[in-house]
Protein backbone atom coordinates (compact mmCIF):
# COMPACT_ATOMS: atom_id res chain seq x y z
CA MET A 1 45.49 131.76 2.58
CA ALA A 2 43.46 132.81 5.59
CA LEU A 3 42.36 136.37 5.75
CA ALA A 4 42.92 138.20 8.96
CA ARG A 5 39.78 139.75 10.33
CA ALA A 6 40.07 142.98 12.21
CA TYR A 7 37.91 143.35 15.25
CA HIS A 8 37.05 146.84 16.36
CA PHE A 9 36.37 147.25 20.08
CA PRO A 10 34.39 150.25 21.23
CA SER A 11 36.68 152.73 22.91
CA LEU A 12 36.18 153.47 26.60
CA PRO A 13 34.66 156.84 27.37
CA ALA A 14 37.15 159.43 28.45
CA GLU A 15 37.06 160.05 32.21
CA PRO A 16 38.65 162.84 34.15
CA PRO A 17 41.71 161.83 36.12
CA CYS A 18 41.24 160.99 39.77
CA GLU A 19 43.86 163.46 40.88
CA ALA A 20 42.78 166.36 43.00
CA PRO A 21 42.65 169.79 41.44
CA ALA A 22 45.79 171.85 41.69
CA ALA A 23 44.15 174.25 44.16
CA GLU A 24 43.44 171.38 46.59
CA ALA A 25 46.87 169.79 46.16
CA ALA A 26 48.74 173.03 46.93
CA PRO A 27 50.13 173.22 50.49
CA LEU A 28 48.35 175.23 53.14
CA TRP A 29 50.35 176.39 56.14
CA LEU A 30 49.07 177.13 59.62
CA ALA A 31 51.55 179.23 61.60
CA LEU A 32 51.25 179.21 65.41
CA HIS A 33 53.26 182.14 66.70
CA PHE A 34 54.09 182.48 70.42
CA PRO A 35 54.85 186.15 71.13
CA ALA A 36 55.74 185.57 74.80
CA LEU A 37 57.78 182.40 74.26
CA ALA A 38 60.98 183.86 75.79
CA LEU A 39 59.17 184.61 79.07
CA GLU A 40 57.09 181.42 79.08
CA ALA A 41 60.11 179.19 78.45
CA LEU A 42 61.80 180.61 81.56
CA GLY A 43 58.73 179.88 83.67
CA VAL A 44 58.46 183.52 84.73
CA ALA A 45 54.92 184.49 85.73
CA ALA A 46 55.52 187.25 88.28
CA PRO A 47 53.25 190.35 88.19
CA GLU A 48 56.18 192.79 88.47
CA PRO A 49 57.79 194.28 85.34
CA LEU A 50 60.19 191.83 83.66
CA ALA A 51 62.31 192.00 80.53
CA VAL A 52 64.12 189.18 78.72
CA THR A 53 67.45 190.55 77.51
CA GLU A 54 70.01 189.46 74.93
CA ALA A 55 73.28 190.92 73.66
CA GLY A 56 73.05 193.01 70.52
CA GLY A 57 75.23 195.76 69.13
CA GLY A 58 77.69 195.53 72.01
CA ARG A 59 75.08 196.04 74.75
CA LEU A 60 72.08 194.37 76.30
CA ARG A 61 68.77 194.89 74.55
CA VAL A 62 65.22 193.94 75.43
CA HIS A 63 64.08 190.88 73.52
CA SER A 64 60.59 190.72 75.06
CA ALA A 65 58.83 192.27 78.05
CA SER A 66 55.99 191.34 80.37
CA ALA A 67 52.63 193.10 80.24
CA ALA A 68 53.54 195.19 83.31
CA ALA A 69 56.77 196.35 81.65
CA GLU A 70 55.07 197.12 78.33
CA ALA A 71 52.49 199.23 80.19
CA GLN A 72 55.38 201.48 81.32
CA GLY A 73 56.80 201.89 77.83
CA VAL A 74 59.31 199.03 77.61
CA ALA A 75 59.41 197.63 74.06
CA PRO A 76 61.44 194.92 72.26
CA GLY A 77 64.66 196.18 70.69
CA MET A 78 65.13 198.87 73.33
CA ALA A 79 68.46 199.16 75.13
CA LEU A 80 68.30 197.83 78.70
CA ALA A 81 69.53 201.13 80.15
CA GLU A 82 66.77 202.99 78.33
CA ALA A 83 64.18 200.47 79.49
CA GLN A 84 65.31 200.80 83.12
CA ALA A 85 65.10 204.58 82.82
CA LEU A 86 61.47 204.26 81.74
CA CYS A 87 60.70 201.54 84.30
CA PRO A 88 62.95 201.83 87.41
CA GLY A 89 61.59 198.60 88.91
CA LEU A 90 62.36 196.53 85.80
CA THR A 91 63.88 193.09 86.47
CA PRO A 92 66.13 191.86 83.62
CA VAL A 93 66.33 188.13 82.88
CA ASN A 94 68.80 186.53 80.46
CA ARG A 95 67.26 184.83 77.45
CA ASP A 96 67.56 181.03 77.23
CA PRO A 97 67.30 179.90 73.57
CA GLU A 98 67.69 176.23 74.54
CA ALA A 99 64.67 176.42 76.85
CA GLU A 100 62.69 178.06 74.05
CA GLN A 101 63.64 175.27 71.66
CA ARG A 102 62.60 172.62 74.20
CA THR A 103 59.27 174.36 74.68
CA LEU A 104 58.67 174.54 70.93
CA SER A 105 59.54 170.84 70.55
CA ARG A 106 57.09 169.92 73.29
CA LEU A 107 54.35 171.98 71.62
CA ALA A 108 55.18 170.41 68.25
CA GLU A 109 54.61 166.96 69.73
CA ARG A 110 51.18 168.09 70.95
CA CYS A 111 50.32 169.36 67.46
CA LEU A 112 51.22 166.12 65.69
CA ARG A 113 47.57 165.16 66.10
CA PHE A 114 46.70 167.73 63.42
CA THR A 115 49.36 166.91 60.82
CA PRO A 116 52.55 164.84 60.52
CA TRP A 117 54.41 167.72 58.80
CA ILE A 118 55.61 170.40 61.25
CA SER A 119 58.59 172.73 60.99
CA LEU A 120 60.38 174.79 63.65
CA ASP A 121 62.41 176.91 61.21
CA PHE A 122 60.67 180.20 61.97
CA PRO A 123 61.46 182.02 65.24
CA ALA A 124 58.99 181.34 68.08
CA THR A 125 56.64 179.71 65.57
CA LEU A 126 55.34 176.29 64.60
CA GLN A 127 54.57 175.77 60.91
CA LEU A 128 51.93 173.09 60.27
CA GLU A 129 51.12 171.90 56.73
CA VAL A 130 47.37 171.22 57.09
CA ARG A 131 45.96 170.89 53.56
CA GLY A 132 45.22 167.19 54.04
CA SER A 133 43.71 167.71 57.50
CA LEU A 134 41.01 170.25 56.69
CA ARG A 135 38.18 167.74 56.26
CA LEU A 136 39.12 165.84 59.41
CA PHE A 137 38.76 168.92 61.61
CA GLY A 138 35.88 170.72 59.95
CA GLY A 139 37.63 173.24 57.74
CA PRO A 140 40.43 175.79 58.10
CA GLU A 141 38.81 177.99 60.78
CA ALA A 142 37.89 175.03 62.99
CA LEU A 143 41.34 173.45 62.61
CA ALA A 144 43.12 176.71 63.46
CA GLU A 145 40.90 177.16 66.52
CA LYS A 146 41.58 173.63 67.78
CA ALA A 147 45.36 174.06 67.29
CA CYS A 148 45.30 177.35 69.20
CA GLN A 149 43.30 175.76 72.02
CA THR A 150 45.83 172.93 72.27
CA SER A 151 48.68 175.44 72.70
CA ALA A 152 46.69 177.66 75.06
CA ALA A 153 45.93 174.64 77.26
CA GLU A 154 49.68 174.38 77.87
CA GLY A 155 49.68 177.95 79.22
CA HIS A 156 51.03 179.75 76.14
CA ALA A 157 49.77 182.87 74.39
CA VAL A 158 49.37 182.05 70.70
CA GLN A 159 48.52 183.86 67.46
CA CYS A 160 47.70 181.99 64.26
CA GLY A 161 47.90 182.66 60.54
CA LEU A 162 46.74 180.49 57.63
CA ALA A 163 48.15 180.98 54.11
CA PRO A 164 49.47 179.02 51.09
CA THR A 165 53.11 179.88 51.92
CA PRO A 166 54.91 179.49 55.25
CA ALA A 167 56.34 183.01 55.10
CA ALA A 168 52.91 184.53 54.53
CA ALA A 169 51.38 182.46 57.34
CA TRP A 170 54.15 183.65 59.65
CA LEU A 171 53.58 187.30 58.70
CA LEU A 172 49.83 186.98 59.28
CA ALA A 173 50.32 185.26 62.64
CA ARG A 174 52.75 187.91 63.89
CA ALA A 175 50.38 190.66 62.75
CA GLY A 176 47.46 189.03 64.57
CA PHE A 177 45.47 188.47 61.35
CA PRO A 178 43.42 185.30 62.07
CA ALA A 179 41.32 185.30 58.87
CA PRO A 180 42.62 182.54 56.57
CA VAL A 181 44.02 183.33 53.13
CA LEU A 182 43.40 180.21 51.05
CA GLU A 183 44.40 181.39 47.56
CA ALA A 184 47.92 182.37 46.51
CA GLY A 185 46.53 185.12 44.31
CA ALA A 186 45.08 186.89 47.37
CA LEU A 187 48.37 187.06 49.30
CA ARG A 188 49.55 190.45 48.04
CA SER A 189 46.23 192.02 48.88
CA ALA A 190 46.16 190.47 52.38
CA LEU A 191 49.79 191.34 53.19
CA GLY A 192 49.95 194.73 51.49
CA ASP A 193 49.27 196.84 54.59
CA LEU A 194 51.88 195.12 56.79
CA PRO A 195 54.91 197.25 57.68
CA VAL A 196 58.22 196.51 55.98
CA ALA A 197 59.82 195.64 59.34
CA ALA A 198 57.50 192.59 59.53
CA LEU A 199 59.76 190.84 56.99
CA GLY A 200 62.41 190.46 59.69
CA ILE A 201 65.02 192.70 58.04
CA ASP A 202 67.49 194.76 60.10
CA ASP A 203 66.68 198.23 61.43
CA LYS A 204 69.23 199.94 59.16
CA LEU A 205 67.59 198.65 55.99
CA THR A 206 64.14 199.48 57.37
CA GLY A 207 65.27 203.05 57.92
CA ARG A 208 66.65 203.34 54.38
CA LEU A 209 63.37 202.09 52.95
CA ALA A 210 61.36 204.47 55.13
CA ARG A 211 63.42 207.45 53.96
CA ALA A 212 62.59 206.44 50.39
CA GLY A 213 58.87 206.39 51.23
CA LEU A 214 58.61 202.57 51.26
CA ARG A 215 56.83 201.77 54.53
CA VAL A 216 54.46 198.88 53.76
CA LEU A 217 54.78 195.76 51.62
CA ARG A 218 52.45 197.15 48.99
CA ASP A 219 54.96 199.92 48.34
CA LEU A 220 57.69 197.37 47.68
CA TRP A 221 55.59 195.31 45.28
CA ARG A 222 54.89 198.43 43.22
CA MET A 223 58.60 199.08 42.69
CA PRO A 224 60.59 197.66 39.72
CA ARG A 225 62.25 194.43 40.79
CA ASP A 226 65.65 195.14 39.23
CA GLY A 227 65.93 198.54 40.86
CA LEU A 228 64.82 197.18 44.21
CA ALA A 229 67.48 194.47 44.09
CA ARG A 230 70.25 196.90 43.03
CA ARG A 231 69.52 199.43 45.77
CA TYR A 232 68.54 197.25 48.71
CA GLY A 233 69.96 193.80 47.97
CA ARG A 234 68.56 190.55 46.70
CA ASP A 235 67.75 189.29 50.21
CA LEU A 236 64.85 191.74 50.38
CA LEU A 237 63.59 190.49 47.01
CA ARG A 238 63.88 186.89 48.18
CA ARG A 239 61.77 187.58 51.28
CA LEU A 240 59.08 189.27 49.19
CA ASP A 241 58.98 186.37 46.71
CA GLU A 242 58.71 183.79 49.52
CA ALA A 243 55.83 185.69 51.09
CA ALA A 244 53.98 186.04 47.76
CA GLY A 245 54.55 182.39 46.80
CA SER A 246 56.59 183.04 43.67
CA ARG A 247 59.69 181.45 45.21
CA PRO A 248 59.72 178.06 47.03
CA GLN A 249 60.90 178.00 50.62
CA PRO A 250 62.25 174.61 51.78
CA LEU A 251 61.71 173.80 55.45
CA ARG A 252 63.07 171.12 57.76
CA GLN A 253 60.54 168.66 59.13
CA PHE A 254 60.23 168.11 62.87
CA HIS A 255 60.50 164.51 64.04
CA ALA A 256 59.39 163.59 67.53
CA PRO A 257 62.04 161.71 69.53
CA PRO A 258 61.39 157.95 69.72
CA ARG A 259 59.80 156.59 72.88
CA PHE A 260 59.14 153.06 74.06
CA ARG A 261 55.85 152.12 75.66
CA ALA A 262 54.59 148.57 76.17
CA GLU A 263 52.07 147.04 78.52
CA ARG A 264 50.87 143.61 79.59
CA GLU A 265 47.72 142.42 81.33
CA LEU A 266 47.90 139.53 83.77
CA ALA A 267 45.52 136.59 83.41
CA MET A 268 44.48 137.13 87.02
CA GLU A 269 45.42 139.52 89.81
CA THR A 270 48.31 138.48 92.04
CA GLU A 271 50.23 139.74 95.04
CA ASP A 272 53.20 137.48 94.33
CA LEU A 273 55.79 139.52 92.45
CA THR A 274 57.72 136.38 91.49
CA GLN A 275 54.84 135.59 89.12
CA VAL A 276 54.96 139.14 87.73
CA PHE A 277 58.68 139.22 86.97
CA PRO A 278 58.58 136.91 83.88
CA LEU A 279 56.31 139.48 82.25
CA VAL A 280 58.74 142.23 83.28
CA GLU A 281 61.59 140.32 81.61
CA ALA A 282 59.51 139.95 78.43
CA LEU A 283 58.89 143.70 78.37
CA LEU A 284 62.59 144.36 78.91
CA ALA A 285 63.47 142.04 76.01
CA GLU A 286 61.17 144.12 73.77
CA PHE A 287 62.80 147.26 75.14
CA GLU A 288 66.30 145.99 74.28
CA ALA A 289 65.19 145.08 70.74
CA PHE A 290 63.65 148.55 70.37
CA LEU A 291 66.91 150.22 71.44
CA ARG A 292 69.11 148.04 69.23
CA SER A 293 66.95 148.66 66.18
CA ARG A 294 67.46 152.40 66.66
CA ASP A 295 71.11 152.16 67.75
CA ALA A 296 70.25 153.92 71.00
CA VAL A 297 70.67 153.57 74.76
CA ALA A 298 68.33 154.57 77.57
CA ALA A 299 69.28 156.75 80.51
CA GLY A 300 66.42 155.24 82.50
CA LEU A 301 63.01 153.62 82.46
CA GLU A 302 59.78 153.55 84.43
CA LEU A 303 57.82 150.44 85.39
CA GLU A 304 54.20 150.99 86.40
CA LEU A 305 52.33 148.35 88.39
CA ARG A 306 48.61 148.72 87.82
CA HIS A 307 45.93 147.76 90.32
CA ALA A 308 42.18 147.43 90.01
CA ARG A 309 41.29 149.34 93.19
CA ALA A 310 44.35 151.50 93.89
CA ALA A 311 46.53 154.07 92.20
CA PRO A 312 49.40 152.69 90.09
CA MET A 313 52.78 152.17 91.74
CA ARG A 314 55.79 153.43 89.78
CA VAL A 315 59.36 152.18 89.96
CA CYS A 316 61.88 154.50 88.25
CA LEU A 317 65.40 153.44 87.32
CA ARG A 318 68.19 155.91 86.50
CA PRO A 319 71.47 153.93 86.28
CA ARG A 320 74.83 155.66 86.34
CA ARG A 321 75.52 154.74 82.73
CA ALA A 322 72.96 154.72 79.94
CA GLY A 323 72.51 151.18 78.64
CA ARG A 324 70.36 148.86 76.57
CA GLU A 325 70.97 145.42 78.04
CA ALA A 326 67.78 143.78 79.30
CA ARG A 327 69.91 141.78 81.74
CA GLN A 328 71.21 144.95 83.41
CA PHE A 329 67.76 146.52 83.79
CA ALA A 330 66.26 143.23 84.99
CA ALA A 331 68.84 142.88 87.79
CA LEU A 332 68.13 146.40 89.05
CA LEU A 333 64.36 145.98 88.83
CA ARG A 334 64.52 142.70 90.71
CA GLU A 335 66.37 144.38 93.56
CA ARG A 336 63.76 147.14 93.69
CA LEU A 337 60.76 144.83 93.44
CA ASP A 338 62.09 142.55 96.20
CA ARG A 339 61.85 145.49 98.61
CA LEU A 340 58.51 146.77 97.32
CA ALA A 341 55.36 146.52 99.48
CA LEU A 342 52.31 146.26 97.25
CA ALA A 343 49.26 148.37 98.04
CA ALA A 344 46.94 146.01 96.14
CA PRO A 345 47.12 142.99 93.83
CA VAL A 346 48.76 143.63 90.46
CA ARG A 347 46.58 143.33 87.34
CA GLY A 348 48.83 144.87 84.68
CA LEU A 349 52.26 146.29 83.80
CA LEU A 350 53.40 149.31 81.80
CA LEU A 351 57.02 149.96 80.79
CA ARG A 352 58.13 153.39 79.51
CA SER A 353 61.49 154.67 78.35
CA ALA A 354 63.22 157.79 79.67
CA GLY A 355 66.06 159.78 78.11
CA LEU A 356 66.98 157.93 74.92
CA GLN A 357 70.46 158.78 73.62
CA PRO A 358 72.55 157.72 70.60
CA PHE A 359 74.72 154.68 71.23
CA THR A 360 78.47 155.26 71.19
CA LEU A 361 81.11 152.57 71.42
CA PRO A 362 83.29 152.75 74.55
CA MET A 363 86.88 153.88 74.10
CA VAL A 364 89.42 151.14 74.80
CA ASP A 365 93.19 151.02 74.69
CA LEU A 366 94.39 149.36 71.50
CA PHE A 367 97.46 147.88 73.21
CA ALA A 368 95.78 146.97 76.49
CA PRO A 369 92.31 145.67 75.63
CA GLU A 370 92.10 143.81 78.92
CA ALA A 371 92.33 147.01 80.92
CA ALA A 372 89.38 147.33 83.27
CA SER A 373 86.78 149.98 82.51
CA GLY A 374 84.37 151.64 84.88
CA GLU A 375 81.33 149.75 83.59
CA ALA A 376 81.54 146.84 86.06
CA TRP A 377 82.12 149.26 88.93
CA ASP A 378 79.11 151.36 87.95
CA GLU A 379 76.97 148.25 87.62
CA LEU A 380 77.96 147.15 91.13
CA LEU A 381 77.11 150.59 92.54
CA ASP A 382 73.74 150.55 90.78
CA ARG A 383 72.87 147.18 92.29
CA LEU A 384 73.92 148.28 95.76
CA GLN A 385 71.89 151.44 95.44
CA ALA A 386 68.86 149.51 94.18
CA ARG A 387 69.15 147.08 97.11
CA LEU A 388 69.94 149.55 99.91
CA GLY A 389 68.08 152.62 98.72
CA PRO A 390 68.99 155.83 96.86
CA GLN A 391 70.53 157.49 99.94
CA ALA A 392 72.68 154.54 101.00
CA LEU A 393 75.66 155.37 98.77
CA ARG A 394 77.53 158.64 98.96
CA GLN A 395 80.41 159.69 96.77
CA PRO A 396 82.58 162.76 97.30
CA VAL A 397 82.51 165.43 94.62
CA LEU A 398 84.26 168.76 94.39
CA ARG A 399 82.53 172.07 94.93
CA ALA A 400 83.64 175.36 93.43
CA ASP A 401 85.17 176.64 96.68
CA HIS A 402 88.84 177.01 97.64
CA ARG A 403 88.25 176.53 101.36
CA PRO A 404 89.17 172.90 102.17
CA GLU A 405 86.33 172.43 104.67
CA ARG A 406 83.81 173.44 101.98
CA THR A 407 85.43 171.89 98.91
CA GLU A 408 84.10 168.34 99.14
CA SER A 409 80.44 167.35 99.21
CA GLY A 410 78.95 164.02 100.15
CA ASP A 411 76.46 164.02 97.30
CA ALA A 412 76.21 160.90 95.16
CA PRO A 413 76.41 161.86 91.47
CA ARG A 414 74.64 159.77 88.86
CA SER A 415 77.79 159.15 86.89
CA GLY A 416 81.37 160.21 86.64
CA GLU A 417 84.41 159.68 88.79
CA ALA A 418 85.05 160.66 92.35
CA ALA A 419 86.66 163.98 93.04
CA ARG A 420 90.42 163.98 92.62
CA SER A 421 92.57 166.55 94.37
CA PRO A 422 96.26 166.94 95.26
CA ARG A 423 95.12 167.76 98.78
CA PRO A 424 94.87 165.00 101.40
CA LEU A 425 91.75 162.89 101.34
CA TRP A 426 91.62 162.75 105.15
CA LEU A 427 90.60 166.12 106.54
CA LEU A 428 89.98 166.63 110.23
CA PRO A 429 86.45 167.71 111.18
CA ARG A 430 88.01 170.87 112.58
CA PRO A 431 91.60 172.15 112.33
CA ARG A 432 93.56 171.27 115.46
CA LEU A 433 96.24 173.41 117.06
CA LEU A 434 99.56 171.61 116.85
CA SER A 435 101.36 171.12 120.13
CA LYS A 436 105.07 171.62 120.31
CA ARG A 437 106.35 168.69 118.32
CA ASP A 438 109.23 168.24 115.95
CA ILE A 439 107.90 168.80 112.43
CA ARG A 440 109.71 169.73 109.28
CA ILE A 441 107.96 172.18 106.98
CA LEU A 442 108.43 171.54 103.27
CA PRO A 443 108.89 174.60 101.03
CA GLU A 444 105.81 174.15 98.82
CA CYS A 445 103.13 176.61 99.87
CA GLU A 446 99.47 177.16 98.91
CA ARG A 447 97.89 180.43 99.97
CA ILE A 448 94.10 180.50 100.31
CA GLU A 449 92.51 183.89 100.71
CA THR A 450 88.77 183.87 100.01
CA GLY A 451 85.30 183.90 101.51
CA TRP A 452 85.09 187.57 102.47
CA TRP A 453 81.73 187.90 100.69
CA ASP A 454 79.79 185.23 102.64
CA GLY A 455 80.86 185.79 106.23
CA GLY A 456 83.47 183.00 106.31
CA PRO A 457 86.76 184.72 105.41
CA VAL A 458 89.87 182.55 105.19
CA ARG A 459 93.46 183.79 104.84
CA ARG A 460 95.90 180.92 105.31
CA ASP A 461 99.24 179.55 104.10
CA TYR A 462 99.15 175.76 103.72
CA HIS A 463 102.30 173.59 103.81
CA VAL A 464 103.11 169.91 103.74
CA ALA A 465 104.98 168.90 106.91
CA VAL A 466 106.71 165.71 108.04
CA ASP A 467 106.75 164.74 111.71
CA GLU A 468 109.34 162.67 113.59
CA ALA A 469 107.56 159.41 112.64
CA GLY A 470 107.65 160.24 108.93
CA ALA A 471 103.91 160.98 108.63
CA ARG A 472 102.97 163.62 106.08
CA LEU A 473 100.76 166.33 107.51
CA TRP A 474 98.82 169.17 105.93
CA VAL A 475 99.30 172.21 108.13
CA TYR A 476 98.63 175.93 107.92
CA ARG A 477 98.98 179.18 109.78
CA ASP A 478 97.54 182.63 109.20
CA ALA A 479 99.01 184.22 106.10
CA GLY A 480 101.80 186.71 106.66
CA THR A 481 102.23 185.88 110.35
CA ALA A 482 104.50 183.73 112.47
CA GLY A 483 101.57 182.33 114.47
CA PRO A 484 101.02 178.74 115.58
CA TRP A 485 100.57 175.89 113.16
CA HIS A 486 97.26 174.09 112.76
CA LEU A 487 96.83 170.51 111.57
CA HIS A 488 94.07 170.25 108.96
CA GLY A 489 94.69 166.95 107.17
CA LEU A 490 96.72 163.77 106.87
CA PHE A 491 98.16 162.17 103.77
CA GLY A 492 97.98 158.40 103.37
């Protein structure tokens, strides 16, 4: 019977794990706060006193004010009437939250060079998680300075704050405290002198806390938690815990909208666009695959023809209907390129997308699937416009005016149907006085009385009339009078 021999291998020396220490793995948030975002989003840069207003408490209140208005005592939260009493020359402007959101999204795209994790959940603030980017940009101070310079280059006033929690970073940025707080244990000391109103609570609760002698955050942290929650609500306790880092605060991540960009270099320069177009079709095929993979359509695109010794030439397409078919874009581009006069030989191409939108299936009639839609008609109009020029096609649209001579406009809308109206489509250039002829006035009447505010007053009673030949006329006379009839339009 063979004896088993046991072999003893020397054990490997214990090594520390390769994971980073907990202090390095903890998130670090850089908050970029834009105190004048409401004014900057509106594009208002006038030197006179301005105030952005919003409704609150049943009346208009000042959301933010320009430097000239603040110098005269106008402050956020003030009633508009009070602000105008302090500053008689104050110009109020309505707040536009959508413009602010667009501005923040544009700034977030600029800041993606610092970190892929950005949130827009805080008002007028970008939250950047930058723990993994510190070494790339030379440390927290250098990274914060570069991020502020990027925002300032876009023409925005910015304040930054750096802390282990997003709420604390936001509080530091709003308070104008640029020194970074890198350890969670130092948050209470750094935030202790901030006023209670900095938490973003309502004025009523702030007043109650002030009457109890609780004016700064340090005063709140000294109070018993249970008593604070019973008297002032758990929302206040939640905000304090999020700022101190004892309670997690989930945020939504910002994702930049997808964009298509592709380019091609020619083997040799050419002035013959027929040799360029196969490359254009290849780019359009990539564009269609890009859109289909994302279940999207494009409202337009831009083709750039590059030259060695001249500025690039750009061809922009904005069809009436958003699409994703390479065939459709190729037909329109061919029409445009056939009429294009090159400034220099082409050496390269660049194709960019514009206005990507989610794809939605067209609505069709279940019982009449063969019914014609407007897609073929729109495609024909796009090709005519690409061949004849953007001003060659005109389509009537309705204006918000009751006067018939000012109702229809000859503008050509990008999409949509032509204006529909129960009035006649054929209007005379000028109303014509009807001679004595046998007409029969129908009882239906439309009174138009408007235009007194712009120097073109109209006060008329319109009727449908039938003449001796059976033609239907649109006639009127001055309202409330038995004056002569005027012919203004003809029905088909």
